[in-house]
């Protein structure tokens, strides 16, 4: 990983902060070889094509930056 690249843990935490500011919730679902992350407006159903935010290969429980 490049020195300028955020690790997946930090990317997920950043998405959680964005979701809180924009009244959305973070939804994680298994994807092809990793995890798909969606930002879904509160009270709405998940639309994979519209709400997709990131694909993360591996999620850890700590920062690896």
PDB file of N, CA and C in Angstrom:
ATOM      1  N   UNK A   1       0.849  -1.174   0.000  1.00  0.00           N
ATOM      2  CA  UNK A   1       0.000   0.000   0.000  1.00  0.00           C
ATOM      3  C   UNK A   1       0.897   1.240   0.000  1.00  0.00           C
ATOM      4  N   UNK A   2       0.504   2.210  -0.757  1.00  0.00           N
ATOM      5  CA  UNK A   2       1.240   3.470  -0.849  1.00  0.00           C
ATOM      6  C   UNK A   2       1.148   4.238   0.470  1.00  0.00           C
ATOM      7  N   UNK A   3       2.117   5.090   0.713  1.00  0.00           N
ATOM      8  CA  UNK A   3       2.097   5.908   1.925  1.00  0.00           C
ATOM      9  C   UNK A   3       0.927   6.881   1.927  1.00  0.00           C
ATOM     10  N   UNK A   4       0.428   7.238   0.752  1.00  0.00           N
ATOM     11  CA  UNK A   4      -0.661   8.215   0.645  1.00  0.00           C
ATOM     12  C   UNK A   4      -2.038   7.563   0.596  1.00  0.00           C
ATOM     13  N   UNK A   5      -2.071   6.252   0.628  1.00  0.00           N
ATOM     14  CA  UNK A   5      -3.337   5.532   0.527  1.00  0.00           C
ATOM     15  C   UNK A   5      -3.866   5.198   1.914  1.00  0.00           C
ATOM     16  N   UNK A   6      -5.151   5.475   2.132  1.00  0.00           N
ATOM     17  CA  UNK A   6      -5.787   5.110   3.400  1.00  0.00           C
ATOM     18  C   UNK A   6      -5.986   3.591   3.451  1.00  0.00           C
ATOM     19  N   UNK A   7      -5.838   3.010   4.612  1.00  0.00           N
ATOM     20  CA  UNK A   7      -6.139   1.588   4.769  1.00  0.00           C
ATOM     21  C   UNK A   7      -7.658   1.407   4.760  1.00  0.00           C
ATOM     22  N   UNK A   8      -8.104   0.181   4.615  1.00  0.00           N
ATOM     23  CA  UNK A   8      -9.540  -0.092   4.551  1.00  0.00           C
ATOM     24  C   UNK A   8     -10.261   0.276   5.843  1.00  0.00           C
ATOM     25  N   UNK A   9      -9.607   0.089   6.973  1.00  0.00           N
ATOM     26  CA  UNK A   9     -10.202   0.459   8.261  1.00  0.00           C
ATOM     27  C   UNK A   9     -10.479   1.962   8.300  1.00  0.00           C
ATOM     28  N   UNK A  10      -9.490   2.765   7.916  1.00  0.00           N
ATOM     29  CA  UNK A  10      -9.651   4.228   7.930  1.00  0.00           C
ATOM     30  C   UNK A  10     -10.662   4.677   6.884  1.00  0.00           C
ATOM     31  N   UNK A  11     -10.702   4.001   5.750  1.00  0.00           N
ATOM     32  CA  UNK A  11     -11.699   4.315   4.719  1.00  0.00           C
ATOM     33  C   UNK A  11     -13.098   4.076   5.253  1.00  0.00           C
ATOM     34  N   UNK A  12     -13.304   2.964   5.940  1.00  0.00           N
ATOM     35  CA  UNK A  12     -14.618   2.658   6.507  1.00  0.00           C
ATOM     36  C   UNK A  12     -14.997   3.684   7.575  1.00  0.00           C
ATOM     37  N   UNK A  13     -14.057   4.062   8.432  1.00  0.00           N
ATOM     38  CA  UNK A  13     -14.341   5.066   9.459  1.00  0.00           C
ATOM     39  C   UNK A  13     -14.680   6.413   8.824  1.00  0.00           C
ATOM     40  N   UNK A  14     -13.984   6.779   7.743  1.00  0.00           N
ATOM     41  CA  UNK A  14     -14.282   8.012   7.017  1.00  0.00           C
ATOM     42  C   UNK A  14     -15.690   7.956   6.431  1.00  0.00           C
ATOM     43  N   UNK A  15     -16.068   6.812   5.836  1.00  0.00           N
ATOM     44  CA  UNK A  15     -17.416   6.660   5.283  1.00  0.00           C
ATOM     45  C   UNK A  15     -18.478   6.764   6.388  1.00  0.00           C
ATOM     46  N   UNK A  16     -18.174   6.247   7.565  1.00  0.00           N
ATOM     47  CA  UNK A  16     -19.110   6.355   8.691  1.00  0.00           C
ATOM     48  C   UNK A  16     -19.296   7.814   9.105  1.00  0.00           C
ATOM     49  N   UNK A  17     -18.232   8.615   9.084  1.00  0.00           N
ATOM     50  CA  UNK A  17     -18.355  10.043   9.409  1.00  0.00           C
ATOM     51  C   UNK A  17     -19.162  10.774   8.338  1.00  0.00           C
ATOM     52  N   UNK A  18     -18.919  10.457   7.079  1.00  0.00           N
ATOM     53  CA  UNK A  18     -19.694  11.053   5.976  1.00  0.00           C
ATOM     54  C   UNK A  18     -21.164  10.685   6.121  1.00  0.00           C
ATOM     55  N   UNK A  19     -21.437   9.435   6.436  1.00  0.00           N
ATOM     56  CA  UNK A  19     -22.822   8.974   6.594  1.00  0.00           C
ATOM     57  C   UNK A  19     -23.522   9.728   7.724  1.00  0.00           C
ATOM     58  N   UNK A  20     -22.840   9.927   8.831  1.00  0.00           N
ATOM     59  CA  UNK A  20     -23.438  10.638   9.966  1.00  0.00           C
ATOM     60  C   UNK A  20     -23.777  12.079   9.598  1.00  0.00           C
ATOM     61  N   UNK A  21     -22.898  12.731   8.826  1.00  0.00           N
ATOM     62  CA  UNK A  21     -23.130  14.122   8.434  1.00  0.00           C
ATOM     63  C   UNK A  21     -24.258  14.261   7.418  1.00  0.00           C
ATOM     64  N   UNK A  22     -24.476  13.231   6.604  1.00  0.00           N
ATOM     65  CA  UNK A  22     -25.467  13.312   5.521  1.00  0.00           C
ATOM     66  C   UNK A  22     -26.726  12.501   5.809  1.00  0.00           C
ATOM     67  N   UNK A  23     -26.908  12.101   7.064  1.00  0.00           N
ATOM     68  CA  UNK A  23     -28.083  11.343   7.496  1.00  0.00           C
ATOM     69  C   UNK A  23     -28.280  10.076   6.669  1.00  0.00           C
ATOM     70  N   UNK A  24     -27.205   9.310   6.596  1.00  0.00           N
ATOM     71  CA  UNK A  24     -27.226   8.016   5.910  1.00  0.00           C
ATOM     72  C   UNK A  24     -26.683   6.968   6.856  1.00  0.00           C
ATOM     73  N   UNK A  25     -26.876   5.730   6.496  1.00  0.00           N
ATOM     74  CA  UNK A  25     -26.303   4.653   7.287  1.00  0.00           C
ATOM     75  C   UNK A  25     -25.387   3.818   6.404  1.00  0.00           C
ATOM     76  N   UNK A  26     -24.365   3.266   7.016  1.00  0.00           N
ATOM     77  CA  UNK A  26     -23.410   2.428   6.306  1.00  0.00           C
ATOM     78  C   UNK A  26     -23.929   0.996   6.339  1.00  0.00           C
ATOM     79  N   UNK A  27     -24.026   0.400   5.157  1.00  0.00           N
ATOM     80  CA  UNK A  27     -24.456  -0.991   5.033  1.00  0.00           C
ATOM     81  C   UNK A  27     -23.309  -1.763   4.391  1.00  0.00           C
ATOM     82  N   UNK A  28     -22.907  -2.864   5.026  1.00  0.00           N
ATOM     83  CA  UNK A  28     -21.846  -3.711   4.495  1.00  0.00           C
ATOM     84  C   UNK A  28     -22.446  -5.040   4.064  1.00  0.00           C
ATOM     85  N   UNK A  29     -22.070  -5.505   2.874  1.00  0.00           N
ATOM     86  CA  UNK A  29     -22.505  -6.798   2.375  1.00  0.00           C
ATOM     87  C   UNK A  29     -21.313  -7.497   1.738  1.00  0.00           C
ATOM     88  N   UNK A  30     -21.249  -8.818   1.876  1.00  0.00           N
ATOM     89  CA  UNK A  30     -20.156  -9.539   1.220  1.00  0.00           C
ATOM     90  C   UNK A  30     -20.227  -9.343  -0.290  1.00  0.00           C
ATOM     91  N   UNK A  31     -19.074  -9.137  -0.897  1.00  0.00           N
ATOM     92  CA  UNK A  31     -18.984  -8.987  -2.342  1.00  0.00           C
ATOM     93  C   UNK A  31     -17.976  -9.981  -2.882  1.00  0.00           C
ATOM     94  N   UNK A  32     -17.628  -9.862  -4.132  1.00  0.00           N
ATOM     95  CA  UNK A  32     -16.670 -10.772  -4.749  1.00  0.00           C
ATOM     96  C   UNK A  32     -15.288 -10.569  -4.146  1.00  0.00           C
ATOM     97  N   UNK A  33     -14.900 -11.446  -3.251  1.00  0.00           N
ATOM     98  CA  UNK A  33     -13.584 -11.392  -2.645  1.00  0.00           C
ATOM     99  C   UNK A  33     -13.365 -10.256  -1.666  1.00  0.00           C
ATOM    100  N   UNK A  34     -14.429  -9.658  -1.176  1.00  0.00           N
ATOM    101  CA  UNK A  34     -14.289  -8.552  -0.232  1.00  0.00           C
ATOM    102  C   UNK A  34     -15.632  -8.133   0.322  1.00  0.00           C
ATOM    103  N   UNK A  35     -15.752  -6.862   0.641  1.00  0.00           N
ATOM    104  CA  UNK A  35     -16.972  -6.315   1.226  1.00  0.00           C
ATOM    105  C   UNK A  35     -17.413  -5.100   0.431  1.00  0.00           C
ATOM    106  N   UNK A  36     -18.686  -5.085   0.032  1.00  0.00           N
ATOM    107  CA  UNK A  36     -19.275  -3.911  -0.601  1.00  0.00           C
ATOM    108  C   UNK A  36     -19.825  -3.011   0.492  1.00  0.00           C
ATOM    109  N   UNK A  37     -19.563  -1.717   0.380  1.00  0.00           N
ATOM    110  CA  UNK A  37     -20.035  -0.746   1.362  1.00  0.00           C
ATOM    111  C   UNK A  37     -20.975   0.229   0.653  1.00  0.00           C
ATOM    112  N   UNK A  38     -22.139   0.449   1.263  1.00  0.00           N
ATOM    113  CA  UNK A  38     -23.152   1.330   0.703  1.00  0.00           C
ATOM    114  C   UNK A  38     -23.502   2.412   1.714  1.00  0.00           C
ATOM    115  N   UNK A  39     -23.823   3.608   1.224  1.00  0.00           N
ATOM    116  CA  UNK A  39     -24.341   4.687   2.066  1.00  0.00           C
ATOM    117  C   UNK A  39     -25.801   4.882   1.692  1.00  0.00           C
ATOM    118  N   UNK A  40     -26.682   4.437   2.579  1.00  0.00           N
ATOM    119  CA  UNK A  40     -28.113   4.422   2.310  1.00  0.00           C
ATOM    120  C   UNK A  40     -28.810   5.474   3.161  1.00  0.00           C
ATOM    121  N   UNK A  41     -29.617   6.345   2.529  1.00  0.00           N
ATOM    122  CA  UNK A  41     -30.371   7.324   3.322  1.00  0.00           C
ATOM    123  C   UNK A  41     -31.249   6.609   4.360  1.00  0.00           C
ATOM    124  N   UNK A  42     -31.309   7.178   5.552  1.00  0.00           N
ATOM    125  CA  UNK A  42     -32.088   6.578   6.641  1.00  0.00           C
ATOM    126  C   UNK A  42     -33.548   6.425   6.205  1.00  0.00           C
ATOM    127  N   UNK A  43     -34.099   5.243   6.423  1.00  0.00           N
ATOM    128  CA  UNK A  43     -35.494   4.975   6.097  1.00  0.00           C
ATOM    129  C   UNK A  43     -35.742   4.534   4.667  1.00  0.00           C
ATOM    130  N   UNK A  44     -34.688   4.375   3.884  1.00  0.00           N
ATOM    131  CA  UNK A  44     -34.855   3.949   2.500  1.00  0.00           C
ATOM    132  C   UNK A  44     -34.264   2.570   2.305  1.00  0.00           C
ATOM    133  N   UNK A  45     -34.715   1.892   1.246  1.00  0.00           N
ATOM    134  CA  UNK A  45     -34.190   0.572   0.936  1.00  0.00           C
ATOM    135  C   UNK A  45     -32.888   0.688   0.163  1.00  0.00           C
ATOM    136  N   UNK A  46     -32.053  -0.315   0.317  1.00  0.00           N
ATOM    137  CA  UNK A  46     -30.776  -0.364  -0.372  1.00  0.00           C
ATOM    138  C   UNK A  46     -30.983  -0.574  -1.867  1.00  0.00           C
ATOM    139  N   UNK A  47     -30.388   0.284  -2.661  1.00  0.00           N
ATOM    140  CA  UNK A  47     -30.331   0.131  -4.101  1.00  0.00           C
ATOM    141  C   UNK A  47     -28.850   0.047  -4.436  1.00  0.00           C
ATOM    142  N   UNK A  48     -28.381  -1.149  -4.758  1.00  0.00           N
ATOM    143  CA  UNK A  48     -26.946  -1.382  -4.943  1.00  0.00           C
ATOM    144  C   UNK A  48     -26.318  -0.464  -5.982  1.00  0.00           C
ATOM    145  N   UNK A  49     -27.033  -0.160  -7.047  1.00  0.00           N
ATOM    146  CA  UNK A  49     -26.476   0.672  -8.116  1.00  0.00           C
ATOM    147  C   UNK A  49     -26.369   2.140  -7.716  1.00  0.00           C
ATOM    148  N   UNK A  50     -27.276   2.608  -6.880  1.00  0.00           N
ATOM    149  CA  UNK A  50     -27.317   4.020  -6.514  1.00  0.00           C
ATOM    150  C   UNK A  50     -26.480   4.311  -5.264  1.00  0.00           C
ATOM    151  N   UNK A  51     -26.504   3.427  -4.286  1.00  0.00           N
ATOM    152  CA  UNK A  51     -25.911   3.703  -2.983  1.00  0.00           C
ATOM    153  C   UNK A  51     -24.500   3.153  -2.786  1.00  0.00           C
ATOM    154  N   UNK A  52     -23.920   2.554  -3.800  1.00  0.00           N
ATOM    155  CA  UNK A  52     -22.578   1.983  -3.673  1.00  0.00           C
ATOM    156  C   UNK A  52     -21.568   3.069  -3.325  1.00  0.00           C
ATOM    157  N   UNK A  53     -20.708   2.788  -2.325  1.00  0.00           N
ATOM    158  CA  UNK A  53     -19.697   3.755  -1.901  1.00  0.00           C
ATOM    159  C   UNK A  53     -18.274   3.211  -2.072  1.00  0.00           C
ATOM    160  N   UNK A  54     -18.060   1.925  -1.762  1.00  0.00           N
ATOM    161  CA  UNK A  54     -16.704   1.389  -1.830  1.00  0.00           C
ATOM    162  C   UNK A  54     -16.728  -0.138  -1.825  1.00  0.00           C
ATOM    163  N   UNK A  55     -15.663  -0.702  -2.351  1.00  0.00           N
ATOM    164  CA  UNK A  55     -15.394  -2.133  -2.228  1.00  0.00           C
ATOM    165  C   UNK A  55     -14.097  -2.261  -1.455  1.00  0.00           C
ATOM    166  N   UNK A  56     -14.128  -2.999  -0.357  1.00  0.00           N
ATOM    167  CA  UNK A  56     -12.952  -3.149   0.498  1.00  0.00           C
ATOM    168  C   UNK A  56     -12.543  -4.611   0.520  1.00  0.00           C
ATOM    169  N   UNK A  57     -11.296  -4.882   0.161  1.00  0.00           N
ATOM    170  CA  UNK A  57     -10.841  -6.267   0.062  1.00  0.00           C
ATOM    171  C   UNK A  57     -10.861  -6.970   1.413  1.00  0.00           C
ATOM    172  N   UNK A  58     -10.298  -6.316   2.406  1.00  0.00           N
ATOM    173  CA  UNK A  58     -10.218  -6.926   3.731  1.00  0.00           C
ATOM    174  C   UNK A  58     -10.392  -5.857   4.790  1.00  0.00           C
ATOM    175  N   UNK A  59     -11.245  -6.129   5.774  1.00  0.00           N
ATOM    176  CA  UNK A  59     -11.453  -5.183   6.864  1.00  0.00           C
ATOM    177  C   UNK A  59     -10.785  -5.709   8.130  1.00  0.00           C
ATOM    178  N   UNK A  60      -9.991  -4.835   8.733  1.00  0.00           N
ATOM    179  CA  UNK A  60      -9.343  -5.201  10.001  1.00  0.00           C
ATOM    180  C   UNK A  60     -10.027  -4.437  11.133  1.00  0.00           C
ATOM    181  N   UNK A  61      -9.663  -4.751  12.347  1.00  0.00           N
ATOM    182  CA  UNK A  61     -10.259  -4.055  13.494  1.00  0.00           C
ATOM    183  C   UNK A  61      -9.342  -2.946  14.015  1.00  0.00           C
ATOM    184  N   UNK A  62      -8.344  -2.576  13.205  1.00  0.00           N
ATOM    185  CA  UNK A  62      -7.412  -1.522  13.584  1.00  0.00           C
ATOM    186  C   UNK A  62      -6.824  -0.854  12.334  1.00  0.00           C
ATOM    187  N   UNK A  63      -6.218   0.289  12.526  1.00  0.00           N
ATOM    188  CA  UNK A  63      -5.591   1.029  11.423  1.00  0.00           C
ATOM    189  C   UNK A  63      -4.296   0.343  10.997  1.00  0.00           C
ATOM    190  N   UNK A  64      -4.104   0.256   9.665  1.00  0.00           N
ATOM    191  CA  UNK A  64      -2.860  -0.288   9.112  1.00  0.00           C
ATOM    192  C   UNK A  64      -2.105   0.741   8.268  1.00  0.00           C
ATOM    193  N   UNK A  65      -2.468   2.017   8.416  1.00  0.00           N
ATOM    194  CA  UNK A  65      -1.800   3.059   7.615  1.00  0.00           C
ATOM    195  C   UNK A  65      -0.340   3.185   7.991  1.00  0.00           C
TER     196      UNK A  65
END
